Amino acid sequence: MYLPAPEMTANQVLQAFHHDAPNLFLGAAIVAVGLVAAAFSAIRRKFDPVLIYFALFALLYGLRMWMESNLMELTMEGSPLYAKLSAAVDFFTAIPAFFFFKAAGVLRRHATLLCYSMGIVLGSLALATFAFGPHRIFYRIANISMIAALVVVIPRSIIKNSDNQDLLVIRPGLLIFIAFVLWENIRNAIGLQLPNVEPIGFVVLLGTLGYVAARQTLQRDRQLGEIQKELEVARRIQLSILPAAFPDSNNFRVAARYVPMTSVAGDFYDFVVADETQAGLLIADVSGHGVPAALIASMVKVAATAQRANAADPAGLLAGMNAVLCGNTQDQFVTAAYVYLDAAAKTFRYSAAGHPPMLLLRNGEVTEIVENGLILAAFDYATYTNATQPLRPGDRFLFYTDGVIEAANGSGDFFGKEALSALLQQTSQLPPSRASDEMVSALQRWSASQDDDLTVLICDYAPLD
């Protein structure tokens, strides 16, 4: 383990610290900026070359400022490894800078070769330093290479590249930084003993980058606000296509609860017919989420309305909806189920298109009603059939979308059909409105985070006579 030179005194350390305090503070601030950029890149979970190269550049630049301070040199005096490491970091620092300028659009296409050339030259000098130790010739090669790059290529790229609005703001700071770097390399090349002012140029560059970042953040906030307003309008429009409360009836009591995962969703339900003796109840679930699914849900509404003449024939209604939707949903599909309740004939007819089975609660027992055909909007040759059964007083029907049974808890376990059937039995004495509320509450307690749209629709056949 390396130990400091014994002649180093506390007074020397204190003097070195006072002399280097501005650079030490500035180096720490630059390293912090690099860490913030790296953190943003990690949060985004995608490779962003601008952020990555800038983070590397800032981290190496701040580290170089610390390693070149008198305090560090005094502390590590006599360590050959530290001397090699300090020189290598000096060479490496410029490499991510060139790639940052390229990723940010500063360099024109013909200057792309410059990045790789400088990377090879500076990387080779760093490796040579590790192998043979610091040498004046290595610094001379680096100084000449940097001067050539800064004078010949980069200014032309910056001046000619005027299409990028952000670059118009960054350009002054970048030119100032380049001027300071150029001066520092000229000073080193001719051996002038003058203070190193390059960090001032870096701070100016950081200031322009910070201004652009702040402006882009404000712009994104405004755009996000506008999107939120548009989504709120879309949410109100989507809610408007859902039916109002089922009209008062001497035979049917109906309630529905719709809980979208986002502002708008792909779940949909409708009362195709609703009067004293008939109830035609439709539920549908569009694949996907968000605005695309909501747009398709609006098309489902149009398709269902166009099939009102087939309200008493569930299979015919679904076939007609499929004919309307096929070829018009951009490869998204729809599952749906429809039941027609006929109080006069005391029967119900049911058909579905790839949708979870309807549950029938009768005399305390839950039965799945299954009559599934192919999903809607995917196959123009799909056909559907009806399941017809007697309708008895006290029957309770439950429609739901797959987000209900696939709601997962913290362990990844689905809520499932069995739990839903048990919940249907437990709420059998409650009116449909309260029963549907209890179901939604139970699902929300089960799953802390909602990963899909939730819709439940309950219908009681409860004739007054």
Protein backbone atom coordinates (compact mmCIF):
# COMPACT_ATOMS: atom_id res chain seq x y z
CA MET A 1 0.00 0.00 0.00
CA TYR A 2 1.33 3.44 -0.92
CA LEU A 3 2.08 5.83 1.99
CA PRO A 4 2.46 9.63 1.63
CA ALA A 5 5.94 11.09 1.78
CA PRO A 6 7.02 11.49 5.42
CA GLU A 7 8.15 15.11 4.93
CA MET A 8 4.59 16.20 4.05
CA THR A 9 3.29 18.43 6.85
CA ALA A 10 -0.19 19.49 7.89
CA ASN A 11 0.66 23.04 6.87
CA GLN A 12 1.57 21.91 3.34
CA VAL A 13 -1.71 20.00 3.05
CA LEU A 14 -3.66 23.02 4.28
CA GLN A 15 -1.92 25.35 1.86
CA ALA A 16 -2.52 22.94 -1.02
CA PHE A 17 -6.19 22.64 -0.07
CA HIS A 18 -6.68 26.42 0.04
CA HIS A 19 -4.95 26.76 -3.32
CA ASP A 20 -7.01 23.99 -4.94
CA ALA A 21 -10.35 24.62 -3.22
CA PRO A 22 -12.04 26.27 -6.27
CA ASN A 23 -10.92 23.51 -8.62
CA LEU A 24 -11.84 20.77 -6.14
CA PHE A 25 -15.31 22.24 -5.70
CA LEU A 26 -15.75 22.73 -9.45
CA GLY A 27 -14.53 19.20 -10.16
CA ALA A 28 -16.99 17.77 -7.64
CA ALA A 29 -19.82 19.80 -9.21
CA ILE A 30 -18.93 18.54 -12.70
CA VAL A 31 -18.81 14.94 -11.45
CA ALA A 32 -22.24 15.48 -9.87
CA VAL A 33 -23.58 16.69 -13.23
CA GLY A 34 -22.17 13.54 -14.86
CA LEU A 35 -23.81 11.34 -12.23
CA VAL A 36 -27.16 13.07 -12.78
CA ALA A 37 -26.88 12.48 -16.55
CA ALA A 38 -26.03 8.82 -15.93
CA ALA A 39 -28.99 8.51 -13.55
CA PHE A 40 -31.37 9.97 -16.15
CA SER A 41 -30.09 7.46 -18.69
CA ALA A 42 -30.63 4.59 -16.23
CA ILE A 43 -34.14 5.79 -15.35
CA ARG A 44 -35.10 5.89 -19.03
CA ARG A 45 -33.95 2.25 -19.39
CA LYS A 46 -32.80 2.81 -22.94
CA PHE A 47 -29.43 3.54 -24.50
CA ASP A 48 -29.25 7.29 -25.06
CA PRO A 49 -25.83 8.06 -26.58
CA VAL A 50 -26.08 11.80 -25.84
CA LEU A 51 -26.62 11.21 -22.12
CA ILE A 52 -24.13 8.34 -21.88
CA TYR A 53 -21.27 10.15 -23.60
CA PHE A 54 -21.97 13.39 -21.77
CA ALA A 55 -22.00 11.54 -18.44
CA LEU A 56 -18.65 9.88 -19.23
CA PHE A 57 -17.19 13.19 -20.38
CA ALA A 58 -18.31 15.05 -17.24
CA LEU A 59 -17.20 12.27 -14.89
CA LEU A 60 -13.74 12.02 -16.45
CA TYR A 61 -13.36 15.79 -16.64
CA GLY A 62 -14.23 16.27 -12.97
CA LEU A 63 -11.98 13.34 -12.00
CA ARG A 64 -9.12 14.84 -14.01
CA MET A 65 -9.50 18.15 -12.19
CA TRP A 66 -9.19 16.34 -8.85
CA MET A 67 -6.22 14.23 -9.94
CA GLU A 68 -4.33 17.25 -11.29
CA SER A 69 -4.76 19.24 -8.08
CA ASN A 70 -1.72 20.04 -5.96
CA LEU A 71 -3.40 18.40 -3.00
CA MET A 72 -3.70 15.03 -4.73
CA GLU A 73 -0.20 15.27 -6.19
CA LEU A 74 1.17 16.11 -2.76
CA THR A 75 -0.77 13.28 -1.14
CA MET A 76 0.29 10.71 -3.75
CA GLU A 77 3.82 12.05 -4.26
CA GLY A 78 6.21 9.31 -5.32
CA SER A 79 3.53 6.87 -6.50
CA PRO A 80 4.35 5.68 -10.07
CA LEU A 81 0.90 4.12 -10.42
CA TYR A 82 -0.81 7.40 -9.60
CA ALA A 83 1.34 9.26 -12.12
CA LYS A 84 0.39 6.76 -14.84
CA LEU A 85 -3.29 6.85 -13.89
CA SER A 86 -3.43 10.64 -13.85
CA ALA A 87 -1.85 10.88 -17.30
CA ALA A 88 -4.11 8.16 -18.71
CA VAL A 89 -7.23 9.89 -17.42
CA ASP A 90 -5.99 13.11 -19.03
CA PHE A 91 -5.87 11.36 -22.42
CA PHE A 92 -9.11 9.42 -21.99
CA THR A 93 -11.20 12.48 -21.04
CA ALA A 94 -11.43 13.87 -24.56
CA ILE A 95 -12.63 10.60 -26.13
CA PRO A 96 -16.26 10.68 -24.88
CA ALA A 97 -16.28 14.45 -25.62
CA PHE A 98 -15.89 13.82 -29.36
CA PHE A 99 -18.54 11.10 -29.31
CA PHE A 100 -20.87 13.38 -27.34
CA PHE A 101 -20.51 16.09 -30.00
CA LYS A 102 -21.24 13.48 -32.68
CA ALA A 103 -24.33 12.08 -30.88
CA ALA A 104 -25.63 15.59 -30.20
CA GLY A 105 -25.49 16.41 -33.92
CA VAL A 106 -22.67 18.92 -33.59
CA LEU A 107 -20.32 17.17 -36.02
CA ARG A 108 -21.22 16.91 -39.67
CA ARG A 109 -21.11 13.56 -41.43
CA HIS A 110 -17.63 14.07 -42.86
CA ALA A 111 -16.33 14.62 -39.30
CA THR A 112 -17.55 11.26 -38.00
CA LEU A 113 -14.16 9.78 -38.87
CA LEU A 114 -12.65 12.35 -36.54
CA CYS A 115 -14.30 10.73 -33.49
CA TYR A 116 -12.86 7.32 -34.21
CA SER A 117 -9.45 8.72 -35.19
CA MET A 118 -9.16 10.76 -32.00
CA GLY A 119 -10.44 7.80 -29.99
CA ILE A 120 -7.70 5.58 -31.43
CA VAL A 121 -4.96 8.21 -30.96
CA LEU A 122 -5.89 9.20 -27.40
CA GLY A 123 -6.68 5.63 -26.36
CA SER A 124 -3.30 4.47 -27.66
CA LEU A 125 -1.56 7.27 -25.76
CA ALA A 126 -3.38 6.26 -22.57
CA LEU A 127 -2.35 2.61 -22.99
CA ALA A 128 1.21 3.63 -23.78
CA THR A 129 1.26 5.71 -20.61
CA PHE A 130 0.18 2.69 -18.57
CA ALA A 131 2.89 0.60 -20.19
CA PHE A 132 5.84 3.02 -20.23
CA GLY A 133 4.82 5.80 -17.86
CA PRO A 134 4.21 9.49 -18.66
CA HIS A 135 6.42 10.97 -21.39
CA ARG A 136 6.57 14.44 -22.87
CA ILE A 137 6.24 13.04 -26.39
CA PHE A 138 2.85 11.53 -25.52
CA TYR A 139 1.55 14.92 -24.41
CA ARG A 140 3.04 16.58 -27.50
CA ILE A 141 1.22 14.12 -29.79
CA ALA A 142 -2.04 14.69 -27.88
CA ASN A 143 -1.66 18.48 -28.02
CA ILE A 144 -0.98 18.52 -31.76
CA SER A 145 -3.88 16.12 -32.47
CA MET A 146 -6.30 18.20 -30.40
CA ILE A 147 -5.15 21.46 -32.02
CA ALA A 148 -5.63 19.98 -35.50
CA ALA A 149 -9.11 18.67 -34.65
CA LEU A 150 -10.23 21.88 -32.96
CA VAL A 151 -8.91 24.22 -35.65
CA VAL A 152 -9.66 22.31 -38.86
CA VAL A 153 -12.79 20.21 -38.39
CA ILE A 154 -15.02 21.10 -35.45
CA PRO A 155 -15.50 24.87 -36.04
CA ARG A 156 -16.61 24.23 -39.64
CA SER A 157 -19.12 21.66 -38.44
CA ILE A 158 -20.54 23.95 -35.77
CA ILE A 159 -20.82 26.98 -38.02
CA LYS A 160 -22.42 25.16 -40.96
CA ASN A 161 -24.81 23.01 -38.95
CA SER A 162 -27.62 25.55 -38.37
CA ASP A 163 -30.67 23.29 -38.71
CA ASN A 164 -30.66 22.22 -35.08
CA GLN A 165 -32.39 24.87 -32.93
CA ASP A 166 -30.78 23.56 -29.75
CA LEU A 167 -27.37 23.89 -31.37
CA LEU A 168 -28.03 27.58 -31.96
CA VAL A 169 -28.15 27.97 -28.17
CA ILE A 170 -25.32 25.55 -27.41
CA ARG A 171 -23.02 26.96 -30.14
CA PRO A 172 -21.72 30.03 -28.22
CA GLY A 173 -20.85 27.96 -25.15
CA LEU A 174 -19.32 25.27 -27.32
CA LEU A 175 -17.18 27.77 -29.22
CA ILE A 176 -16.00 29.32 -25.96
CA PHE A 177 -15.13 25.88 -24.57
CA ILE A 178 -13.27 24.95 -27.76
CA ALA A 179 -11.36 28.23 -27.62
CA PHE A 180 -10.30 27.52 -24.03
CA VAL A 181 -9.33 23.93 -24.87
CA LEU A 182 -7.40 25.13 -27.91
CA TRP A 183 -5.56 27.68 -25.81
CA GLU A 184 -4.73 25.08 -23.17
CA ASN A 185 -3.29 22.70 -25.77
CA ILE A 186 -1.26 25.50 -27.39
CA ARG A 187 0.00 26.57 -23.97
CA ASN A 188 1.10 23.02 -23.17
CA ALA A 189 2.64 22.54 -26.61
CA ILE A 190 4.89 25.60 -26.34
CA GLY A 191 5.47 25.26 -22.60
CA LEU A 192 3.91 28.48 -21.31
CA GLN A 193 3.66 28.57 -17.52
CA LEU A 194 0.20 30.12 -17.20
CA PRO A 195 -2.87 29.13 -15.14
CA ASN A 196 -5.19 26.49 -16.58
CA VAL A 197 -8.39 28.33 -17.58
CA GLU A 198 -9.99 25.43 -19.51
CA PRO A 199 -12.48 24.57 -16.70
CA ILE A 200 -14.03 28.03 -17.12
CA GLY A 201 -14.90 27.14 -20.70
CA PHE A 202 -16.38 23.84 -19.52
CA VAL A 203 -18.59 25.68 -17.04
CA VAL A 204 -19.82 27.98 -19.83
CA LEU A 205 -20.62 24.91 -21.95
CA LEU A 206 -22.49 23.35 -19.02
CA GLY A 207 -24.47 26.57 -18.67
CA THR A 208 -25.69 26.45 -22.28
CA LEU A 209 -26.46 22.73 -22.00
CA GLY A 210 -28.38 23.41 -18.80
CA TYR A 211 -30.38 26.15 -20.49
CA VAL A 212 -31.31 23.83 -23.36
CA ALA A 213 -32.21 21.04 -20.92
CA ALA A 214 -34.41 23.42 -18.89
CA ARG A 215 -36.10 24.74 -22.03
CA GLN A 216 -36.76 21.23 -23.32
CA THR A 217 -38.13 20.23 -19.91
CA LEU A 218 -40.54 23.18 -19.91
CA GLN A 219 -41.52 22.40 -23.48
CA ARG A 220 -42.17 18.76 -22.59
CA ASP A 221 -44.22 19.88 -19.59
CA ARG A 222 -46.35 22.07 -21.84
CA GLN A 223 -46.75 19.25 -24.33
CA LEU A 224 -47.62 16.86 -21.50
CA GLY A 225 -50.20 19.33 -20.22
CA GLU A 226 -51.77 19.58 -23.66
CA ILE A 227 -51.80 15.79 -23.97
CA GLN A 228 -53.45 15.51 -20.56
CA LYS A 229 -56.15 17.95 -21.64
CA GLU A 230 -56.71 16.01 -24.86
CA LEU A 231 -56.88 12.74 -22.92
CA GLU A 232 -59.41 14.27 -20.55
CA VAL A 233 -61.54 15.29 -23.53
CA ALA A 234 -61.12 11.79 -24.98
CA ARG A 235 -62.13 10.29 -21.62
CA ARG A 236 -65.31 12.36 -21.52
CA ILE A 237 -66.09 11.44 -25.11
CA GLN A 238 -65.57 7.76 -24.39
CA LEU A 239 -67.77 7.92 -21.29
CA SER A 240 -70.43 9.56 -23.43
CA ILE A 241 -70.60 6.53 -25.73
CA LEU A 242 -71.34 4.25 -22.77
CA PRO A 243 -75.04 3.93 -22.09
CA ALA A 244 -76.79 5.80 -19.33
CA ALA A 245 -78.42 3.84 -16.52
CA PHE A 246 -80.67 0.99 -17.59
CA PRO A 247 -84.23 2.35 -17.64
CA ASP A 248 -86.61 1.41 -14.84
CA SER A 249 -88.14 -1.94 -15.61
CA ASN A 250 -90.58 -4.32 -13.93
CA ASN A 251 -88.37 -7.24 -14.94
CA PHE A 252 -84.70 -6.25 -15.06
CA ARG A 253 -82.25 -4.56 -12.72
CA VAL A 254 -78.92 -3.71 -14.40
CA ALA A 255 -75.73 -2.05 -13.17
CA ALA A 256 -72.28 -1.70 -14.72
CA ARG A 257 -68.92 -0.51 -13.45
CA TYR A 258 -66.16 0.60 -15.79
CA VAL A 259 -62.63 1.26 -14.43
CA PRO A 260 -60.08 2.05 -17.19
CA MET A 261 -56.40 1.41 -16.55
CA THR A 262 -55.51 4.76 -18.17
CA SER A 263 -57.56 7.83 -19.07
CA VAL A 264 -59.18 5.95 -21.93
CA ALA A 265 -59.55 2.25 -22.46
CA GLY A 266 -60.64 -0.55 -24.75
CA ASP A 267 -63.42 -2.00 -22.58
CA PHE A 268 -66.97 -1.31 -23.70
CA TYR A 269 -70.53 -2.25 -22.80
CA ASP A 270 -73.91 -1.34 -24.23
CA PHE A 271 -77.62 -1.96 -23.82
CA VAL A 272 -78.63 -2.80 -27.37
CA VAL A 273 -82.28 -3.03 -26.31
CA ALA A 274 -83.73 -2.01 -22.97
CA ASP A 275 -87.44 -1.99 -22.20
CA GLU A 276 -90.00 -3.69 -19.98
CA THR A 277 -89.75 -7.11 -21.59
CA GLN A 278 -86.34 -7.14 -23.29
CA ALA A 279 -82.73 -6.64 -22.28
CA GLY A 280 -79.93 -6.95 -24.83
CA LEU A 281 -76.62 -6.66 -22.99
CA LEU A 282 -73.29 -6.42 -24.81
CA ILE A 283 -69.77 -6.36 -23.39
CA ALA A 284 -66.55 -6.08 -25.43
CA ASP A 285 -62.82 -5.86 -24.82
CA VAL A 286 -60.41 -4.46 -27.42
CA SER A 287 -56.85 -5.78 -27.41
CA GLY A 288 -54.27 -3.34 -26.13
CA HIS A 289 -54.74 -0.25 -24.00
CA GLY A 290 -54.96 3.50 -24.21
CA VAL A 291 -56.00 5.67 -27.13
CA PRO A 292 -55.75 3.03 -29.93
CA ALA A 293 -57.97 0.63 -28.00
CA ALA A 294 -60.40 3.45 -27.17
CA LEU A 295 -60.73 4.34 -30.85
CA ILE A 296 -61.54 0.74 -31.71
CA ALA A 297 -64.06 0.68 -28.84
CA SER A 298 -65.84 3.60 -30.54
CA MET A 299 -65.98 1.52 -33.71
CA VAL A 300 -67.47 -1.34 -31.69
CA LYS A 301 -70.21 1.04 -30.54
CA VAL A 302 -70.99 1.94 -34.16
CA ALA A 303 -70.94 -1.71 -35.22
CA ALA A 304 -73.30 -2.73 -32.39
CA THR A 305 -75.72 0.11 -33.13
CA ALA A 306 -75.81 -0.94 -36.78
CA GLN A 307 -76.91 -4.45 -35.71
CA ARG A 308 -79.82 -3.37 -33.54
CA ALA A 309 -82.18 -5.22 -35.91
CA ASN A 310 -80.47 -8.46 -34.78
CA ALA A 311 -80.93 -7.70 -31.07
CA ALA A 312 -82.95 -10.87 -30.50
CA ASP A 313 -80.35 -13.02 -32.29
CA PRO A 314 -76.96 -12.85 -30.47
CA ALA A 315 -75.18 -14.97 -33.09
CA GLY A 316 -76.45 -12.78 -35.91
CA LEU A 317 -75.55 -9.62 -34.03
CA LEU A 318 -71.94 -10.76 -33.47
CA ALA A 319 -71.61 -11.93 -37.08
CA GLY A 320 -72.80 -8.54 -38.29
CA MET A 321 -70.38 -6.72 -35.97
CA ASN A 322 -67.54 -8.90 -37.23
CA ALA A 323 -68.37 -8.01 -40.83
CA VAL A 324 -68.23 -4.29 -39.99
CA LEU A 325 -64.98 -4.50 -38.01
CA CYS A 326 -62.94 -6.85 -40.19
CA GLY A 327 -60.19 -4.97 -42.00
CA ASN A 328 -60.79 -1.75 -40.09
CA THR A 329 -58.99 -2.23 -36.77
CA GLN A 330 -55.28 -2.13 -37.72
CA ASP A 331 -54.61 -5.73 -36.63
CA GLN A 332 -56.27 -5.23 -33.24
CA PHE A 333 -58.99 -7.68 -32.29
CA VAL A 334 -62.07 -7.61 -30.12
CA THR A 335 -63.61 -10.13 -27.76
CA ALA A 336 -67.32 -9.73 -27.09
CA ALA A 337 -70.30 -11.42 -25.49
CA TYR A 338 -74.00 -10.67 -25.90
CA VAL A 339 -77.09 -11.95 -24.13
CA TYR A 340 -80.71 -11.33 -25.07
CA LEU A 341 -83.15 -11.69 -22.18
CA ASP A 342 -86.81 -12.15 -23.16
CA ALA A 343 -89.19 -11.75 -20.22
CA ALA A 344 -92.24 -12.52 -22.38
CA ALA A 345 -90.89 -15.87 -23.59
CA LYS A 346 -89.00 -16.45 -20.31
CA THR A 347 -85.82 -17.43 -22.16
CA PHE A 348 -82.38 -16.00 -22.77
CA ARG A 349 -80.08 -16.44 -25.74
CA TYR A 350 -76.35 -16.02 -25.47
CA SER A 351 -73.38 -15.97 -27.83
CA ALA A 352 -69.76 -14.83 -27.51
CA ALA A 353 -66.66 -14.14 -29.59
CA GLY A 354 -63.56 -15.25 -27.70
CA HIS A 355 -64.81 -13.64 -24.47
CA PRO A 356 -64.68 -15.03 -20.91
CA PRO A 357 -67.87 -17.01 -20.18
CA MET A 358 -70.90 -15.30 -18.66
CA LEU A 359 -71.70 -16.39 -15.09
CA LEU A 360 -75.25 -17.27 -14.10
CA LEU A 361 -76.18 -17.29 -10.41
CA ARG A 362 -79.33 -19.37 -9.88
CA ASN A 363 -80.55 -20.70 -6.52
CA GLY A 364 -77.16 -19.96 -4.95
CA GLU A 365 -75.22 -21.94 -7.58
CA VAL A 366 -72.91 -20.39 -10.19
CA THR A 367 -72.88 -21.77 -13.73
CA GLU A 368 -70.66 -20.77 -16.62
CA ILE A 369 -72.52 -20.07 -19.85
CA VAL A 370 -70.14 -20.88 -22.69
CA GLU A 371 -70.93 -20.46 -26.38
CA ASN A 372 -67.77 -19.03 -27.90
CA GLY A 373 -66.89 -18.36 -31.51
CA LEU A 374 -63.82 -16.69 -32.97
CA ILE A 375 -62.74 -13.21 -31.88
CA LEU A 376 -64.14 -10.23 -33.78
CA ALA A 377 -62.24 -8.21 -36.41
CA ALA A 378 -59.78 -11.01 -37.17
CA PHE A 379 -61.51 -13.54 -39.44
CA ASP A 380 -64.13 -12.60 -42.02
CA TYR A 381 -65.32 -16.22 -42.19
CA ALA A 382 -66.12 -16.46 -38.46
CA THR A 383 -69.55 -17.84 -37.52
CA TYR A 384 -71.40 -17.84 -34.22
CA THR A 385 -74.14 -19.89 -32.56
CA ASN A 386 -76.69 -19.26 -29.84
CA ALA A 387 -77.11 -20.99 -26.52
CA THR A 388 -80.78 -20.78 -25.46
CA GLN A 389 -81.91 -21.50 -21.90
CA PRO A 390 -84.95 -20.84 -19.70
CA LEU A 391 -85.09 -17.56 -17.80
CA ARG A 392 -86.15 -17.92 -14.19
CA PRO A 393 -87.04 -15.34 -11.53
CA GLY A 394 -84.06 -14.52 -9.31
CA ASP A 395 -81.47 -15.22 -12.01
CA ARG A 396 -78.41 -13.00 -11.80
CA PHE A 397 -76.11 -12.63 -14.81
CA LEU A 398 -72.52 -11.40 -14.59
CA PHE A 399 -70.50 -10.11 -17.54
CA TYR A 400 -66.85 -9.15 -17.07
CA THR A 401 -63.66 -8.51 -19.06
CA ASP A 402 -60.47 -10.50 -18.69
CA GLY A 403 -58.89 -7.74 -16.61
CA VAL A 404 -61.12 -8.93 -13.75
CA ILE A 405 -60.01 -12.55 -13.57
CA GLU A 406 -56.42 -11.72 -14.57
CA ALA A 407 -55.92 -9.10 -11.85
CA ALA A 408 -52.71 -10.16 -10.09
CA ASN A 409 -51.63 -9.65 -6.49
CA GLY A 410 -48.09 -8.99 -5.26
CA SER A 411 -47.19 -12.66 -5.66
CA GLY A 412 -48.38 -12.74 -9.26
CA ASP A 413 -51.46 -14.87 -8.51
CA PHE A 414 -54.54 -14.14 -10.63
CA PHE A 415 -57.87 -13.33 -9.03
CA GLY A 416 -59.39 -16.14 -11.11
CA LYS A 417 -62.83 -17.44 -11.98
CA GLU A 418 -63.30 -19.34 -8.74
CA ALA A 419 -62.81 -16.24 -6.61
CA LEU A 420 -65.12 -14.29 -8.91
CA SER A 421 -67.80 -16.98 -8.62
CA ALA A 422 -67.45 -16.95 -4.83
CA LEU A 423 -67.75 -13.16 -4.83
CA LEU A 424 -70.87 -13.43 -6.97
CA GLN A 425 -72.41 -15.74 -4.39
CA GLN A 426 -71.35 -13.56 -1.44
CA THR A 427 -72.99 -10.48 -2.94
CA SER A 428 -76.15 -12.26 -4.07
CA GLN A 429 -78.37 -10.39 -1.55
CA LEU A 430 -77.12 -6.98 -2.63
CA PRO A 431 -78.75 -5.00 -5.44
CA PRO A 432 -76.75 -4.98 -8.70
CA SER A 433 -75.35 -1.49 -8.10
CA ARG A 434 -73.92 -2.37 -4.67
CA ALA A 435 -72.82 -5.82 -5.78
CA SER A 436 -70.83 -4.36 -8.69
CA ASP A 437 -69.23 -1.82 -6.34
CA GLU A 438 -68.21 -4.61 -3.96
CA MET A 439 -66.67 -6.58 -6.82
CA VAL A 440 -64.57 -3.63 -7.97
CA SER A 441 -63.47 -2.93 -4.39
CA ALA A 442 -62.49 -6.57 -3.88
CA LEU A 443 -60.43 -6.51 -7.08
CA GLN A 444 -58.66 -3.31 -6.05
CA ARG A 445 -57.84 -4.78 -2.65
CA TRP A 446 -56.49 -7.91 -4.33
CA SER A 447 -54.34 -6.06 -6.85
CA ALA A 448 -52.45 -2.99 -5.65
CA SER A 449 -51.65 -1.90 -9.21
CA GLN A 450 -54.17 -2.10 -12.03
CA ASP A 451 -52.63 -3.70 -15.10
CA ASP A 452 -55.72 -3.87 -17.29
CA ASP A 453 -59.10 -2.27 -17.78
CA LEU A 454 -61.85 -3.56 -15.49
CA THR A 455 -65.53 -3.82 -16.41
CA VAL A 456 -68.32 -5.73 -14.67
CA LEU A 457 -71.97 -5.77 -15.66
CA ILE A 458 -74.66 -7.37 -13.49
CA CYS A 459 -78.25 -8.02 -14.51
CA ASP A 460 -81.02 -9.42 -12.30
CA TYR A 461 -84.18 -10.92 -13.70
CA ALA A 462 -86.62 -10.01 -10.94
CA PRO A 463 -90.21 -9.77 -12.26
CA LEU A 464 -92.55 -7.86 -9.95
CA ASP A 465 -95.63 -9.98 -10.72
